[in-house]
């Protein structure tokens, strides 16, 4: 178990660096590059959705489906997840204290990275993707090389037991995401206007460095101090593609002060805002990553 955890931490670091390197190529992308990346993400989402559906069908055919899957999920959770997320799923595991951001508290049913509207529970495929891919810039590693898809699915089902919301509330349909529009100076200007008009700089800063006047006051839903996201890092935790960032702007980040912008902004304005915040990316080079502040994302 110790080796598995050490390997997962190493993978987390490597994936975070890979995410940073990928993000730094975004400014030079052509329309063809963006469309190709969107197609890749769609295929990835379809793959995860298909895997989850197949696993659900397999479980549905089992006479002991609930006991079998949750028992397996509990065993895996305790050996790979409990150290950070805690025995009770409250994010208070023995290894959670130094982590920034803090591990997710599964008991609330609030999940940051999901394809469903603000306030809604995530789809199984959302949770399966997070477990599989990890969260760049955090201590949450990718488990797809260390756990089989059946094991990852079992963990998802077990984690859902920590919150009564999954039993009591329906899950909404995922939001629709169209093809990203081409990047133009006009759309960039529209994004800057949206950034300023909606006071994004109050938290994220005028230049997107996460140093806005309200940044020192930010806390999550547990009252824990959190950092405003630094757009210049390029390490978008919910995914670095235009479609990923658009999804985050549309659904918001549950459990944090980051709101949804589906209501105040039109679809065109949200795409423009995506392009503007990604234009703030800085090439920090290896020196910048080696000598970063402890609170900076990788």
C-alpha atoms as a PDB file:
ATOM      1  CA  UNK A   1       0.000   0.000   0.000  1.00  0.00           C
ATOM      2  CA  UNK A   2       2.878   2.374   0.804  1.00  0.00           C
ATOM      3  CA  UNK A   3       4.408   1.861  -2.631  1.00  0.00           C
ATOM      4  CA  UNK A   4       1.041   2.457  -4.301  1.00  0.00           C
ATOM      5  CA  UNK A   5       0.621   5.785  -2.493  1.00  0.00           C
ATOM      6  CA  UNK A   6       4.200   6.864  -3.283  1.00  0.00           C
ATOM      7  CA  UNK A   7       3.678   6.031  -6.945  1.00  0.00           C
ATOM      8  CA  UNK A   8       0.386   7.943  -6.994  1.00  0.00           C
ATOM      9  CA  UNK A   9       2.045  11.041  -5.545  1.00  0.00           C
ATOM     10  CA  UNK A  10       4.772  10.836  -8.186  1.00  0.00           C
ATOM     11  CA  UNK A  11       2.147  10.487 -10.896  1.00  0.00           C
ATOM     12  CA  UNK A  12       0.315  13.515  -9.494  1.00  0.00           C
ATOM     13  CA  UNK A  13       3.450  15.623  -9.854  1.00  0.00           C
ATOM     14  CA  UNK A  14       4.146  14.378 -13.378  1.00  0.00           C
ATOM     15  CA  UNK A  15       0.558  14.965 -14.475  1.00  0.00           C
ATOM     16  CA  UNK A  16       0.574  18.466 -13.025  1.00  0.00           C
ATOM     17  CA  UNK A  17       3.729  19.311 -14.993  1.00  0.00           C
ATOM     18  CA  UNK A  18       2.226  17.772 -18.100  1.00  0.00           C
ATOM     19  CA  UNK A  19      -0.884  19.912 -17.647  1.00  0.00           C
ATOM     20  CA  UNK A  20       1.246  23.037 -17.330  1.00  0.00           C
ATOM     21  CA  UNK A  21       3.200  22.212 -20.460  1.00  0.00           C
ATOM     22  CA  UNK A  22       0.022  21.521 -22.380  1.00  0.00           C
ATOM     23  CA  UNK A  23      -1.568  24.755 -21.180  1.00  0.00           C
ATOM     24  CA  UNK A  24       1.437  26.785 -22.336  1.00  0.00           C
ATOM     25  CA  UNK A  25       0.791  25.744 -25.952  1.00  0.00           C
ATOM     26  CA  UNK A  26      -2.730  27.108 -25.994  1.00  0.00           C
ATOM     27  CA  UNK A  27      -1.994  30.628 -27.246  1.00  0.00           C
ATOM     28  CA  UNK A  28      -0.480  29.369 -30.486  1.00  0.00           C
ATOM     29  CA  UNK A  29      -3.273  26.982 -31.343  1.00  0.00           C
ATOM     30  CA  UNK A  30      -5.040  27.296 -34.650  1.00  0.00           C
ATOM     31  CA  UNK A  31      -8.723  26.695 -35.191  1.00  0.00           C
ATOM     32  CA  UNK A  32      -7.854  23.223 -36.467  1.00  0.00           C
ATOM     33  CA  UNK A  33      -5.900  22.535 -33.259  1.00  0.00           C
ATOM     34  CA  UNK A  34      -8.840  23.615 -31.099  1.00  0.00           C
ATOM     35  CA  UNK A  35     -11.327  21.532 -33.067  1.00  0.00           C
ATOM     36  CA  UNK A  36      -9.036  18.522 -32.859  1.00  0.00           C
ATOM     37  CA  UNK A  37      -8.705  18.955 -29.084  1.00  0.00           C
ATOM     38  CA  UNK A  38     -12.479  19.312 -28.703  1.00  0.00           C
ATOM     39  CA  UNK A  39     -12.976  16.130 -30.702  1.00  0.00           C
ATOM     40  CA  UNK A  40     -10.449  14.352 -28.481  1.00  0.00           C
ATOM     41  CA  UNK A  41     -12.285  15.508 -25.361  1.00  0.00           C
ATOM     42  CA  UNK A  42     -15.629  14.430 -26.781  1.00  0.00           C
ATOM     43  CA  UNK A  43     -14.225  11.002 -27.552  1.00  0.00           C
ATOM     44  CA  UNK A  44     -12.752  10.855 -24.048  1.00  0.00           C
ATOM     45  CA  UNK A  45     -16.089  11.779 -22.468  1.00  0.00           C
ATOM     46  CA  UNK A  46     -17.898   9.255 -24.661  1.00  0.00           C
ATOM     47  CA  UNK A  47     -15.354   6.634 -23.628  1.00  0.00           C
ATOM     48  CA  UNK A  48     -15.907   7.307 -19.926  1.00  0.00           C
ATOM     49  CA  UNK A  49     -19.687   7.465 -20.371  1.00  0.00           C
ATOM     50  CA  UNK A  50     -19.626   4.172 -22.279  1.00  0.00           C
ATOM     51  CA  UNK A  51     -17.422   2.547 -19.639  1.00  0.00           C
ATOM     52  CA  UNK A  52     -19.699   3.715 -16.831  1.00  0.00           C
ATOM     53  CA  UNK A  53     -22.792   2.536 -18.714  1.00  0.00           C
ATOM     54  CA  UNK A  54     -21.238  -0.868 -19.334  1.00  0.00           C
ATOM     55  CA  UNK A  55     -20.244  -1.167 -15.697  1.00  0.00           C
ATOM     56  CA  UNK A  56     -23.733  -0.161 -14.578  1.00  0.00           C
ATOM     57  CA  UNK A  57     -25.250  -2.822 -16.831  1.00  0.00           C
ATOM     58  CA  UNK A  58     -22.850  -5.414 -15.466  1.00  0.00           C
ATOM     59  CA  UNK A  59     -23.726  -4.494 -11.906  1.00  0.00           C
ATOM     60  CA  UNK A  60     -27.460  -4.498 -12.697  1.00  0.00           C
ATOM     61  CA  UNK A  61     -27.193  -8.146 -13.743  1.00  0.00           C
ATOM     62  CA  UNK A  62     -25.636  -9.113 -10.432  1.00  0.00           C
ATOM     63  CA  UNK A  63     -27.944 -10.453  -7.729  1.00  0.00           C
ATOM     64  CA  UNK A  64     -25.784  -8.848  -5.047  1.00  0.00           C
ATOM     65  CA  UNK A  65     -24.985  -5.697  -7.028  1.00  0.00           C
ATOM     66  CA  UNK A  66     -25.074  -3.155  -4.177  1.00  0.00           C
ATOM     67  CA  UNK A  67     -23.141  -5.193  -1.622  1.00  0.00           C
ATOM     68  CA  UNK A  68     -20.538  -6.400  -4.108  1.00  0.00           C
ATOM     69  CA  UNK A  69     -19.684  -3.023  -5.590  1.00  0.00           C
ATOM     70  CA  UNK A  70     -19.769  -0.971  -2.401  1.00  0.00           C
ATOM     71  CA  UNK A  71     -17.747  -3.565  -0.507  1.00  0.00           C
ATOM     72  CA  UNK A  72     -15.082  -3.494  -3.193  1.00  0.00           C
ATOM     73  CA  UNK A  73     -15.242   0.303  -3.269  1.00  0.00           C
ATOM     74  CA  UNK A  74     -14.841   0.524   0.510  1.00  0.00           C
ATOM     75  CA  UNK A  75     -11.753  -1.697   0.476  1.00  0.00           C
ATOM     76  CA  UNK A  76     -10.118   0.349  -2.278  1.00  0.00           C
ATOM     77  CA  UNK A  77     -11.140   3.651  -0.704  1.00  0.00           C
ATOM     78  CA  UNK A  78      -9.545   2.738   2.609  1.00  0.00           C
ATOM     79  CA  UNK A  79      -6.262   1.774   0.992  1.00  0.00           C
ATOM     80  CA  UNK A  80      -5.956   4.629  -1.521  1.00  0.00           C
ATOM     81  CA  UNK A  81      -8.289   7.516  -0.603  1.00  0.00           C
ATOM     82  CA  UNK A  82      -8.775   7.527   3.167  1.00  0.00           C
ATOM     83  CA  UNK A  83      -5.395   9.079   3.970  1.00  0.00           C
ATOM     84  CA  UNK A  84      -6.553  12.390   2.480  1.00  0.00           C
ATOM     85  CA  UNK A  85     -10.350  12.208   2.355  1.00  0.00           C
ATOM     86  CA  UNK A  86     -10.819  10.563   5.759  1.00  0.00           C
ATOM     87  CA  UNK A  87     -12.569   7.417   6.985  1.00  0.00           C
ATOM     88  CA  UNK A  88     -15.895   9.308   7.003  1.00  0.00           C
ATOM     89  CA  UNK A  89     -15.322  11.001   3.649  1.00  0.00           C
ATOM     90  CA  UNK A  90     -15.233  14.429   5.277  1.00  0.00           C
ATOM     91  CA  UNK A  91     -11.867  15.476   3.838  1.00  0.00           C
ATOM     92  CA  UNK A  92     -10.148  15.216   7.217  1.00  0.00           C
ATOM     93  CA  UNK A  93      -7.790  12.319   6.673  1.00  0.00           C
ATOM     94  CA  UNK A  94      -4.420  12.224   8.478  1.00  0.00           C
ATOM     95  CA  UNK A  95      -2.645  13.506   5.365  1.00  0.00           C
ATOM     96  CA  UNK A  96      -5.052  16.366   4.648  1.00  0.00           C
ATOM     97  CA  UNK A  97      -3.675  19.067   6.908  1.00  0.00           C
ATOM     98  CA  UNK A  98      -0.817  20.424   4.735  1.00  0.00           C
ATOM     99  CA  UNK A  99      -2.726  20.129   1.454  1.00  0.00           C
ATOM    100  CA  UNK A 100      -3.810  23.202  -0.487  1.00  0.00           C
ATOM    101  CA  UNK A 101      -6.476  22.949  -1.691  1.00  0.00           C
ATOM    102  CA  UNK A 102      -7.955  20.707   0.978  1.00  0.00           C
ATOM    103  CA  UNK A 103      -9.301  17.275  -0.034  1.00  0.00           C
ATOM    104  CA  UNK A 104     -12.948  17.150  -1.127  1.00  0.00           C
ATOM    105  CA  UNK A 105     -15.541  16.625   1.601  1.00  0.00           C
ATOM    106  CA  UNK A 106     -17.778  13.967   0.068  1.00  0.00           C
ATOM    107  CA  UNK A 107     -20.458  14.346   2.745  1.00  0.00           C
ATOM    108  CA  UNK A 108     -21.738  17.620   1.245  1.00  0.00           C
ATOM    109  CA  UNK A 109     -22.369  16.248  -2.217  1.00  0.00           C
ATOM    110  CA  UNK A 110     -20.758  19.380  -3.659  1.00  0.00           C
ATOM    111  CA  UNK A 111     -18.332  18.585  -6.462  1.00  0.00           C
ATOM    112  CA  UNK A 112     -16.245  21.185  -8.252  1.00  0.00           C
ATOM    113  CA  UNK A 113     -15.689  19.481 -11.586  1.00  0.00           C
ATOM    114  CA  UNK A 114     -18.896  18.302 -13.190  1.00  0.00           C
ATOM    115  CA  UNK A 115     -20.850  18.653 -16.420  1.00  0.00           C
ATOM    116  CA  UNK A 116     -24.186  19.334 -14.728  1.00  0.00           C
ATOM    117  CA  UNK A 117     -25.669  22.785 -13.925  1.00  0.00           C
ATOM    118  CA  UNK A 118     -24.801  24.732 -10.795  1.00  0.00           C
ATOM    119  CA  UNK A 119     -26.286  23.214  -7.645  1.00  0.00           C
ATOM    120  CA  UNK A 120     -26.716  19.804  -9.248  1.00  0.00           C
ATOM    121  CA  UNK A 121     -25.045  16.559  -8.350  1.00  0.00           C
ATOM    122  CA  UNK A 122     -22.407  15.245 -10.768  1.00  0.00           C
ATOM    123  CA  UNK A 123     -22.932  12.390 -13.179  1.00  0.00           C
ATOM    124  CA  UNK A 124     -21.218   9.077 -12.506  1.00  0.00           C
ATOM    125  CA  UNK A 125     -19.102   9.804 -15.581  1.00  0.00           C
ATOM    126  CA  UNK A 126     -17.952  13.107 -14.018  1.00  0.00           C
ATOM    127  CA  UNK A 127     -16.740  11.337 -10.890  1.00  0.00           C
ATOM    128  CA  UNK A 128     -15.261   8.500 -12.911  1.00  0.00           C
ATOM    129  CA  UNK A 129     -13.306  10.989 -15.016  1.00  0.00           C
ATOM    130  CA  UNK A 130     -11.931  12.784 -11.943  1.00  0.00           C
ATOM    131  CA  UNK A 131     -10.833   9.529 -10.335  1.00  0.00           C
ATOM    132  CA  UNK A 132      -9.307   8.415 -13.621  1.00  0.00           C
ATOM    133  CA  UNK A 133      -7.573  11.644 -14.648  1.00  0.00           C
ATOM    134  CA  UNK A 134      -6.908  13.317 -11.290  1.00  0.00           C
ATOM    135  CA  UNK A 135      -6.907  17.098 -10.742  1.00  0.00           C
ATOM    136  CA  UNK A 136      -3.840  18.936 -12.134  1.00  0.00           C
ATOM    137  CA  UNK A 137      -2.204  21.344  -9.713  1.00  0.00           C
ATOM    138  CA  UNK A 138      -3.443  19.453  -6.636  1.00  0.00           C
ATOM    139  CA  UNK A 139      -2.514  16.356  -4.645  1.00  0.00           C
ATOM    140  CA  UNK A 140      -5.276  14.383  -6.372  1.00  0.00           C
ATOM    141  CA  UNK A 141      -3.500  11.961  -8.744  1.00  0.00           C
ATOM    142  CA  UNK A 142      -4.717   9.994 -11.721  1.00  0.00           C
ATOM    143  CA  UNK A 143      -5.705   6.450 -10.754  1.00  0.00           C
ATOM    144  CA  UNK A 144      -6.277   5.005 -14.215  1.00  0.00           C
ATOM    145  CA  UNK A 145      -2.871   3.301 -14.235  1.00  0.00           C
ATOM    146  CA  UNK A 146      -3.144   2.002 -10.680  1.00  0.00           C
ATOM    147  CA  UNK A 147      -6.776   0.871 -10.518  1.00  0.00           C
ATOM    148  CA  UNK A 148      -8.806  -1.091 -13.050  1.00  0.00           C
ATOM    149  CA  UNK A 149     -11.911   0.555 -14.460  1.00  0.00           C
ATOM    150  CA  UNK A 150     -14.046  -1.785 -12.322  1.00  0.00           C
ATOM    151  CA  UNK A 151     -12.164  -0.664  -9.220  1.00  0.00           C
ATOM    152  CA  UNK A 152     -12.539   3.011 -10.156  1.00  0.00           C
ATOM    153  CA  UNK A 153     -16.251   2.524 -10.735  1.00  0.00           C
ATOM    154  CA  UNK A 154     -16.569   0.784  -7.360  1.00  0.00           C
ATOM    155  CA  UNK A 155     -14.838   3.727  -5.654  1.00  0.00           C
ATOM    156  CA  UNK A 156     -17.262   6.155  -7.333  1.00  0.00           C
ATOM    157  CA  UNK A 157     -20.254   4.184  -6.038  1.00  0.00           C
ATOM    158  CA  UNK A 158     -18.791   4.012  -2.541  1.00  0.00           C
ATOM    159  CA  UNK A 159     -17.950   7.716  -2.407  1.00  0.00           C
ATOM    160  CA  UNK A 160     -21.560   8.567  -3.293  1.00  0.00           C
ATOM    161  CA  UNK A 161     -22.709   6.821  -0.104  1.00  0.00           C
ATOM    162  CA  UNK A 162     -21.122   9.563   2.003  1.00  0.00           C
ATOM    163  CA  UNK A 163     -23.817  12.070   0.971  1.00  0.00           C
ATOM    164  CA  UNK A 164     -27.578  11.458   1.277  1.00  0.00           C
ATOM    165  CA  UNK A 165     -28.080  13.809  -1.659  1.00  0.00           C
ATOM    166  CA  UNK A 166     -27.385  11.008  -4.146  1.00  0.00           C
ATOM    167  CA  UNK A 167     -30.293   9.057  -2.682  1.00  0.00           C
ATOM    168  CA  UNK A 168     -32.698  11.966  -2.254  1.00  0.00           C
ATOM    169  CA  UNK A 169     -32.085  14.224  -5.271  1.00  0.00           C
ATOM    170  CA  UNK A 170     -32.389  13.717  -9.026  1.00  0.00           C
ATOM    171  CA  UNK A 171     -29.361  14.442 -11.184  1.00  0.00           C
ATOM    172  CA  UNK A 172     -29.791  17.025 -13.924  1.00  0.00           C
ATOM    173  CA  UNK A 173     -28.812  16.567 -17.545  1.00  0.00           C
ATOM    174  CA  UNK A 174     -25.323  17.810 -18.488  1.00  0.00           C
ATOM    175  CA  UNK A 175     -24.960  21.245 -20.042  1.00  0.00           C
ATOM    176  CA  UNK A 176     -24.577  21.526 -23.803  1.00  0.00           C
ATOM    177  CA  UNK A 177     -21.193  22.659 -25.115  1.00  0.00           C
ATOM    178  CA  UNK A 178     -20.887  23.739 -28.738  1.00  0.00           C
ATOM    179  CA  UNK A 179     -17.723  23.912 -30.830  1.00  0.00           C
ATOM    180  CA  UNK A 180     -15.377  26.630 -29.524  1.00  0.00           C
ATOM    181  CA  UNK A 181     -15.452  29.697 -31.789  1.00  0.00           C
ATOM    182  CA  UNK A 182     -12.247  30.830 -33.543  1.00  0.00           C
ATOM    183  CA  UNK A 183      -9.968  33.174 -31.643  1.00  0.00           C
ATOM    184  CA  UNK A 184     -10.170  36.741 -32.872  1.00  0.00           C
ATOM    185  CA  UNK A 185      -9.106  40.169 -31.561  1.00  0.00           C
ATOM    186  CA  UNK A 186     -12.767  41.176 -31.375  1.00  0.00           C
ATOM    187  CA  UNK A 187     -13.671  38.180 -29.245  1.00  0.00           C
ATOM    188  CA  UNK A 188     -10.646  38.802 -27.033  1.00  0.00           C
ATOM    189  CA  UNK A 189     -11.814  42.386 -26.469  1.00  0.00           C
ATOM    190  CA  UNK A 190     -15.316  41.135 -25.649  1.00  0.00           C
ATOM    191  CA  UNK A 191     -13.811  38.746 -23.112  1.00  0.00           C
ATOM    192  CA  UNK A 192     -11.823  41.502 -21.475  1.00  0.00           C
ATOM    193  CA  UNK A 193     -14.978  43.590 -21.168  1.00  0.00           C
ATOM    194  CA  UNK A 194     -16.793  40.654 -19.544  1.00  0.00           C
ATOM    195  CA  UNK A 195     -13.848  40.129 -17.172  1.00  0.00           C
ATOM    196  CA  UNK A 196     -13.916  43.769 -16.075  1.00  0.00           C
ATOM    197  CA  UNK A 197     -17.699  44.211 -15.998  1.00  0.00           C
ATOM    198  CA  UNK A 198     -18.209  41.127 -13.840  1.00  0.00           C
ATOM    199  CA  UNK A 199     -15.388  42.180 -11.495  1.00  0.00           C
ATOM    200  CA  UNK A 200     -13.365  39.018 -12.007  1.00  0.00           C
ATOM    201  CA  UNK A 201     -10.311  41.069 -11.088  1.00  0.00           C
ATOM    202  CA  UNK A 202     -11.594  41.558  -7.540  1.00  0.00           C
ATOM    203  CA  UNK A 203     -10.439  38.001  -6.836  1.00  0.00           C
ATOM    204  CA  UNK A 204      -8.215  37.036  -9.750  1.00  0.00           C
ATOM    205  CA  UNK A 205      -6.463  40.384 -10.125  1.00  0.00           C
ATOM    206  CA  UNK A 206      -6.232  42.821 -13.022  1.00  0.00           C
ATOM    207  CA  UNK A 207      -3.671  40.625 -14.782  1.00  0.00           C
ATOM    208  CA  UNK A 208      -5.230  37.334 -13.660  1.00  0.00           C
ATOM    209  CA  UNK A 209      -2.485  36.465 -11.160  1.00  0.00           C
ATOM    210  CA  UNK A 210      -4.905  35.625  -8.346  1.00  0.00           C
ATOM    211  CA  UNK A 211      -3.885  38.739  -6.417  1.00  0.00           C
ATOM    212  CA  UNK A 212      -7.082  40.798  -6.483  1.00  0.00           C
ATOM    213  CA  UNK A 213      -8.112  42.921  -3.466  1.00  0.00           C
ATOM    214  CA  UNK A 214     -10.655  40.306  -2.350  1.00  0.00           C
ATOM    215  CA  UNK A 215      -8.247  37.367  -2.699  1.00  0.00           C
ATOM    216  CA  UNK A 216      -7.001  37.434   0.942  1.00  0.00           C
ATOM    217  CA  UNK A 217     -10.585  37.105   2.202  1.00  0.00           C
ATOM    218  CA  UNK A 218     -11.636  34.055   0.184  1.00  0.00           C
ATOM    219  CA  UNK A 219     -12.838  30.951   2.012  1.00  0.00           C
ATOM    220  CA  UNK A 220     -14.517  27.737   0.928  1.00  0.00           C
ATOM    221  CA  UNK A 221     -17.837  26.401   2.209  1.00  0.00           C
ATOM    222  CA  UNK A 222     -16.049  25.010   5.265  1.00  0.00           C
ATOM    223  CA  UNK A 223     -14.565  28.370   6.201  1.00  0.00           C
ATOM    224  CA  UNK A 224     -11.067  27.329   5.120  1.00  0.00           C
ATOM    225  CA  UNK A 225      -8.951  30.012   3.466  1.00  0.00           C
ATOM    226  CA  UNK A 226      -8.390  29.352  -0.235  1.00  0.00           C
ATOM    227  CA  UNK A 227      -6.371  30.981  -2.995  1.00  0.00           C
ATOM    228  CA  UNK A 228      -7.889  32.806  -5.958  1.00  0.00           C
ATOM    229  CA  UNK A 229      -6.948  30.985  -9.144  1.00  0.00           C
ATOM    230  CA  UNK A 230      -3.941  32.299 -11.051  1.00  0.00           C
ATOM    231  CA  UNK A 231      -4.848  32.287 -14.748  1.00  0.00           C
ATOM    232  CA  UNK A 232      -1.243  33.035 -15.729  1.00  0.00           C
ATOM    233  CA  UNK A 233      -0.220  29.546 -14.530  1.00  0.00           C
ATOM    234  CA  UNK A 234      -2.279  27.857 -17.240  1.00  0.00           C
ATOM    235  CA  UNK A 235      -2.933  24.850 -14.987  1.00  0.00           C
ATOM    236  CA  UNK A 236      -6.727  24.705 -15.100  1.00  0.00           C
ATOM    237  CA  UNK A 237      -7.763  22.104 -12.570  1.00  0.00           C
ATOM    238  CA  UNK A 238     -11.014  21.190 -14.289  1.00  0.00           C
ATOM    239  CA  UNK A 239      -9.237  20.805 -17.645  1.00  0.00           C
ATOM    240  CA  UNK A 240      -7.220  23.158 -19.851  1.00  0.00           C
ATOM    241  CA  UNK A 241      -9.097  23.018 -23.157  1.00  0.00           C
ATOM    242  CA  UNK A 242     -11.420  25.851 -24.190  1.00  0.00           C
ATOM    243  CA  UNK A 243     -14.384  23.503 -23.704  1.00  0.00           C
ATOM    244  CA  UNK A 244     -13.226  22.587 -20.182  1.00  0.00           C
ATOM    245  CA  UNK A 245     -12.855  26.223 -19.110  1.00  0.00           C
ATOM    246  CA  UNK A 246     -16.191  27.107 -20.712  1.00  0.00           C
ATOM    247  CA  UNK A 247     -17.822  24.313 -18.722  1.00  0.00           C
ATOM    248  CA  UNK A 248     -16.333  25.656 -15.493  1.00  0.00           C
ATOM    249  CA  UNK A 249     -17.536  29.197 -16.230  1.00  0.00           C
ATOM    250  CA  UNK A 250     -21.008  27.838 -17.007  1.00  0.00           C
ATOM    251  CA  UNK A 251     -21.420  25.550 -13.990  1.00  0.00           C
ATOM    252  CA  UNK A 252     -19.306  27.388 -11.419  1.00  0.00           C
ATOM    253  CA  UNK A 253     -17.065  25.692  -8.847  1.00  0.00           C
ATOM    254  CA  UNK A 254     -19.212  24.270  -6.059  1.00  0.00           C
ATOM    255  CA  UNK A 255     -18.031  24.859  -2.504  1.00  0.00           C
ATOM    256  CA  UNK A 256     -16.021  27.965  -3.439  1.00  0.00           C
ATOM    257  CA  UNK A 257     -16.813  31.652  -4.080  1.00  0.00           C
ATOM    258  CA  UNK A 258     -16.494  31.018  -7.848  1.00  0.00           C
ATOM    259  CA  UNK A 259     -20.036  31.492  -9.214  1.00  0.00           C
ATOM    260  CA  UNK A 260     -21.677  30.236 -12.373  1.00  0.00           C
ATOM    261  CA  UNK A 261     -21.854  32.621 -15.320  1.00  0.00           C
ATOM    262  CA  UNK A 262     -24.634  30.964 -17.274  1.00  0.00           C
ATOM    263  CA  UNK A 263     -27.111  33.607 -16.129  1.00  0.00           C
ATOM    264  CA  UNK A 264     -25.145  36.900 -16.253  1.00  0.00           C
ATOM    265  CA  UNK A 265     -23.277  36.100 -19.486  1.00  0.00           C
ATOM    266  CA  UNK A 266     -24.453  34.931 -22.872  1.00  0.00           C
ATOM    267  CA  UNK A 267     -22.900  31.904 -24.538  1.00  0.00           C
ATOM    268  CA  UNK A 268     -20.874  34.221 -26.784  1.00  0.00           C
ATOM    269  CA  UNK A 269     -19.607  36.213 -23.798  1.00  0.00           C
ATOM    270  CA  UNK A 270     -18.567  33.047 -21.965  1.00  0.00           C
ATOM    271  CA  UNK A 271     -16.549  31.828 -24.946  1.00  0.00           C
ATOM    272  CA  UNK A 272     -14.982  35.273 -25.177  1.00  0.00           C
ATOM    273  CA  UNK A 273     -14.134  35.184 -21.467  1.00  0.00           C
ATOM    274  CA  UNK A 274     -12.482  31.788 -21.976  1.00  0.00           C
ATOM    275  CA  UNK A 275     -10.271  33.233 -24.684  1.00  0.00           C
ATOM    276  CA  UNK A 276      -9.395  36.273 -22.610  1.00  0.00           C
ATOM    277  CA  UNK A 277      -8.337  34.422 -19.434  1.00  0.00           C
ATOM    278  CA  UNK A 278      -6.260  31.994 -21.497  1.00  0.00           C
ATOM    279  CA  UNK A 279      -4.529  34.954 -23.142  1.00  0.00           C
ATOM    280  CA  UNK A 280      -3.209  35.869 -19.679  1.00  0.00           C
ATOM    281  CA  UNK A 281      -1.003  32.786 -19.622  1.00  0.00           C
ATOM    282  CA  UNK A 282       2.666  33.472 -18.876  1.00  0.00           C
ATOM    283  CA  UNK A 283       5.560  31.266 -19.930  1.00  0.00           C
ATOM    284  CA  UNK A 284       7.289  30.828 -16.591  1.00  0.00           C
ATOM    285  CA  UNK A 285       9.884  28.380 -17.782  1.00  0.00           C
ATOM    286  CA  UNK A 286      11.514  25.774 -15.573  1.00  0.00           C
ATOM    287  CA  UNK A 287      12.959  28.426 -13.255  1.00  0.00           C
ATOM    288  CA  UNK A 288       9.492  29.710 -12.468  1.00  0.00           C
ATOM    289  CA  UNK A 289       8.208  26.255 -11.587  1.00  0.00           C
ATOM    290  CA  UNK A 290      11.235  25.237  -9.509  1.00  0.00           C
ATOM    291  CA  UNK A 291      11.184  28.448  -7.475  1.00  0.00           C
ATOM    292  CA  UNK A 292       7.432  28.908  -7.273  1.00  0.00           C
ATOM    293  CA  UNK A 293       5.645  29.950  -4.088  1.00  0.00           C
ATOM    294  CA  UNK A 294       4.256  27.037  -2.029  1.00  0.00           C
ATOM    295  CA  UNK A 295       0.708  28.220  -2.782  1.00  0.00           C
ATOM    296  CA  UNK A 296       1.244  28.501  -6.535  1.00  0.00           C
ATOM    297  CA  UNK A 297      -0.243  25.744  -8.704  1.00  0.00           C
ATOM    298  CA  UNK A 298       2.295  23.512 -10.433  1.00  0.00           C
END
